[in-house]
């Protein structure tokens, strides 16, 4: 039996806000010539962006199968 629980929209919103903040940190660290930090924040923002897109796609799929 598969778990068909939707991810709460507030969680998805907070992860998207997290993406924006980490991208801003990456830009800030890049402008200060701290490449290690900027690469780490870019990778983290891409990870959170992927999690947000996955959550939206999952909720959309679950919403279509409930009807």
N, C-alpha and C. Protein backbone atom coordinates (compact mmCIF):
# COMPACT_ATOMS: atom_id res chain seq x y z
N UNK A 1 0.84 -1.18 0.00
CA UNK A 1 0.00 0.00 0.00
C UNK A 1 0.88 1.24 0.00
N UNK A 2 0.59 2.14 -0.91
CA UNK A 2 1.38 3.35 -1.06
C UNK A 2 0.81 4.49 -0.25
N UNK A 3 1.68 5.31 0.29
CA UNK A 3 1.24 6.47 1.04
C UNK A 3 0.85 7.58 0.07
N UNK A 4 -0.39 7.99 0.12
CA UNK A 4 -0.90 9.02 -0.78
C UNK A 4 -1.20 10.31 -0.02
N UNK A 5 -0.26 10.75 0.80
CA UNK A 5 -0.43 11.96 1.58
C UNK A 5 0.17 13.15 0.83
N UNK A 6 -0.61 14.21 0.75
CA UNK A 6 -0.11 15.42 0.10
C UNK A 6 0.88 16.14 1.00
N UNK A 7 1.80 16.84 0.38
CA UNK A 7 2.73 17.69 1.11
C UNK A 7 2.04 19.04 1.30
N UNK A 8 2.04 19.52 2.53
CA UNK A 8 1.31 20.75 2.84
C UNK A 8 1.87 21.92 2.03
N UNK A 9 0.99 22.77 1.49
CA UNK A 9 1.46 23.91 0.68
C UNK A 9 2.38 24.87 1.42
N UNK A 10 2.20 25.01 2.73
CA UNK A 10 3.08 25.90 3.49
C UNK A 10 4.52 25.35 3.53
N UNK A 11 4.65 24.04 3.55
CA UNK A 11 5.98 23.42 3.51
C UNK A 11 6.63 23.70 2.16
N UNK A 12 5.85 23.58 1.09
CA UNK A 12 6.38 23.87 -0.25
C UNK A 12 6.74 25.35 -0.38
N UNK A 13 5.93 26.21 0.19
CA UNK A 13 6.23 27.64 0.15
C UNK A 13 7.52 27.94 0.92
N UNK A 14 7.68 27.32 2.07
CA UNK A 14 8.89 27.59 2.86
C UNK A 14 10.14 27.06 2.16
N UNK A 15 10.04 25.92 1.47
CA UNK A 15 11.21 25.45 0.74
C UNK A 15 11.54 26.36 -0.44
N UNK A 16 10.50 26.93 -1.07
CA UNK A 16 10.77 27.86 -2.16
C UNK A 16 11.40 29.15 -1.65
N UNK A 17 10.95 29.65 -0.50
CA UNK A 17 11.57 30.82 0.11
C UNK A 17 13.01 30.50 0.46
N UNK A 18 13.25 29.28 0.92
CA UNK A 18 14.60 28.83 1.23
C UNK A 18 15.49 28.88 -0.02
N UNK A 19 14.95 28.51 -1.16
CA UNK A 19 15.70 28.55 -2.42
C UNK A 19 16.12 29.98 -2.72
N UNK A 20 15.19 30.92 -2.56
CA UNK A 20 15.49 32.32 -2.86
C UNK A 20 16.57 32.85 -1.92
N UNK A 21 16.45 32.54 -0.63
CA UNK A 21 17.42 33.04 0.35
C UNK A 21 18.81 32.44 0.09
N UNK A 22 18.87 31.15 -0.20
CA UNK A 22 20.18 30.53 -0.45
C UNK A 22 20.81 31.05 -1.73
N UNK A 23 19.99 31.35 -2.74
CA UNK A 23 20.53 31.94 -3.96
C UNK A 23 21.08 33.34 -3.67
N UNK A 24 20.41 34.08 -2.81
CA UNK A 24 20.92 35.40 -2.43
C UNK A 24 22.23 35.28 -1.65
N UNK A 25 22.32 34.29 -0.76
CA UNK A 25 23.57 34.06 -0.04
C UNK A 25 24.68 33.67 -1.01
N UNK A 26 24.35 32.85 -2.00
CA UNK A 26 25.35 32.44 -2.98
C UNK A 26 25.87 33.65 -3.75
N UNK A 27 24.98 34.54 -4.14
CA UNK A 27 25.40 35.75 -4.85
C UNK A 27 26.26 36.63 -3.96
N UNK A 28 25.86 36.76 -2.69
CA UNK A 28 26.62 37.58 -1.74
C UNK A 28 28.04 37.02 -1.55
N UNK A 29 28.14 35.71 -1.37
CA UNK A 29 29.45 35.09 -1.17
C UNK A 29 30.28 35.14 -2.46
N UNK A 30 29.63 35.04 -3.61
CA UNK A 30 30.35 35.13 -4.88
C UNK A 30 30.94 36.53 -5.06
N UNK A 31 30.16 37.55 -4.67
CA UNK A 31 30.67 38.91 -4.81
C UNK A 31 31.80 39.20 -3.83
N UNK A 32 31.87 38.44 -2.74
CA UNK A 32 32.97 38.59 -1.78
C UNK A 32 34.15 37.67 -2.11
N UNK A 33 34.08 37.02 -3.27
CA UNK A 33 35.14 36.12 -3.76
C UNK A 33 35.35 34.89 -2.86
N UNK A 34 34.29 34.42 -2.24
CA UNK A 34 34.35 33.20 -1.44
C UNK A 34 33.67 32.09 -2.24
N UNK A 35 34.43 31.47 -3.12
CA UNK A 35 33.88 30.52 -4.08
C UNK A 35 33.34 29.25 -3.41
N UNK A 36 33.98 28.79 -2.37
CA UNK A 36 33.52 27.58 -1.70
C UNK A 36 32.12 27.73 -1.15
N UNK A 37 31.89 28.84 -0.46
CA UNK A 37 30.56 29.10 0.09
C UNK A 37 29.53 29.29 -1.02
N UNK A 38 29.91 29.99 -2.06
CA UNK A 38 28.94 30.24 -3.14
C UNK A 38 28.55 28.95 -3.84
N UNK A 39 29.50 28.05 -4.06
CA UNK A 39 29.18 26.77 -4.69
C UNK A 39 28.29 25.94 -3.76
N UNK A 40 28.59 25.95 -2.47
CA UNK A 40 27.77 25.19 -1.51
C UNK A 40 26.34 25.71 -1.49
N UNK A 41 26.17 27.03 -1.48
CA UNK A 41 24.82 27.59 -1.46
C UNK A 41 24.09 27.37 -2.77
N UNK A 42 24.81 27.38 -3.88
CA UNK A 42 24.17 27.08 -5.17
C UNK A 42 23.68 25.64 -5.19
N UNK A 43 24.50 24.72 -4.72
CA UNK A 43 24.09 23.31 -4.68
C UNK A 43 22.90 23.10 -3.75
N UNK A 44 22.93 23.75 -2.60
CA UNK A 44 21.80 23.63 -1.67
C UNK A 44 20.52 24.23 -2.25
N UNK A 45 20.65 25.36 -2.94
CA UNK A 45 19.45 25.96 -3.53
C UNK A 45 18.90 25.07 -4.65
N UNK A 46 19.77 24.43 -5.41
CA UNK A 46 19.29 23.50 -6.44
C UNK A 46 18.61 22.29 -5.82
N UNK A 47 19.15 21.80 -4.71
CA UNK A 47 18.53 20.68 -4.01
C UNK A 47 17.13 21.05 -3.52
N UNK A 48 17.00 22.21 -2.89
CA UNK A 48 15.70 22.63 -2.39
C UNK A 48 14.74 22.96 -3.53
N UNK A 49 15.25 23.46 -4.63
CA UNK A 49 14.39 23.70 -5.79
C UNK A 49 13.85 22.38 -6.34
N UNK A 50 14.72 21.38 -6.41
CA UNK A 50 14.27 20.06 -6.85
C UNK A 50 13.23 19.47 -5.91
N UNK A 51 13.43 19.66 -4.60
CA UNK A 51 12.45 19.15 -3.64
C UNK A 51 11.11 19.88 -3.79
N UNK A 52 11.14 21.17 -4.06
CA UNK A 52 9.91 21.93 -4.25
C UNK A 52 9.17 21.48 -5.50
N UNK A 53 9.89 21.31 -6.59
CA UNK A 53 9.27 20.86 -7.84
C UNK A 53 8.70 19.45 -7.68
N UNK A 54 9.45 18.58 -6.99
CA UNK A 54 8.94 17.23 -6.74
C UNK A 54 7.67 17.27 -5.90
N UNK A 55 7.64 18.12 -4.88
CA UNK A 55 6.45 18.23 -4.03
C UNK A 55 5.25 18.74 -4.81
N UNK A 56 5.46 19.73 -5.67
CA UNK A 56 4.35 20.24 -6.49
C UNK A 56 3.84 19.17 -7.45
N UNK A 57 4.75 18.44 -8.07
CA UNK A 57 4.35 17.38 -9.00
C UNK A 57 3.62 16.26 -8.26
N UNK A 58 4.11 15.91 -7.08
CA UNK A 58 3.46 14.86 -6.29
C UNK A 58 2.05 15.27 -5.88
N UNK A 59 1.90 16.52 -5.40
CA UNK A 59 0.57 16.98 -5.00
C UNK A 59 -0.37 17.04 -6.19
N UNK A 60 0.15 17.43 -7.33
CA UNK A 60 -0.67 17.48 -8.54
C UNK A 60 -1.12 16.08 -8.94
N UNK A 61 -0.22 15.12 -8.87
CA UNK A 61 -0.55 13.74 -9.22
C UNK A 61 -1.58 13.16 -8.25
N UNK A 62 -1.40 13.40 -6.97
CA UNK A 62 -2.34 12.89 -5.97
C UNK A 62 -3.70 13.56 -6.14
N UNK A 63 -3.70 14.85 -6.44
CA UNK A 63 -4.95 15.58 -6.65
C UNK A 63 -5.72 15.06 -7.86
N UNK A 64 -5.02 14.66 -8.91
CA UNK A 64 -5.70 14.12 -10.09
C UNK A 64 -6.28 12.74 -9.84
N UNK A 65 -5.62 11.92 -9.02
CA UNK A 65 -6.10 10.56 -8.78
C UNK A 65 -7.22 10.53 -7.76
N UNK A 66 -7.40 11.61 -6.95
CA UNK A 66 -8.49 11.63 -5.97
C UNK A 66 -9.84 11.88 -6.62
N UNK A 67 -9.86 12.51 -7.77
CA UNK A 67 -11.14 12.87 -8.41
C UNK A 67 -11.82 11.69 -9.03
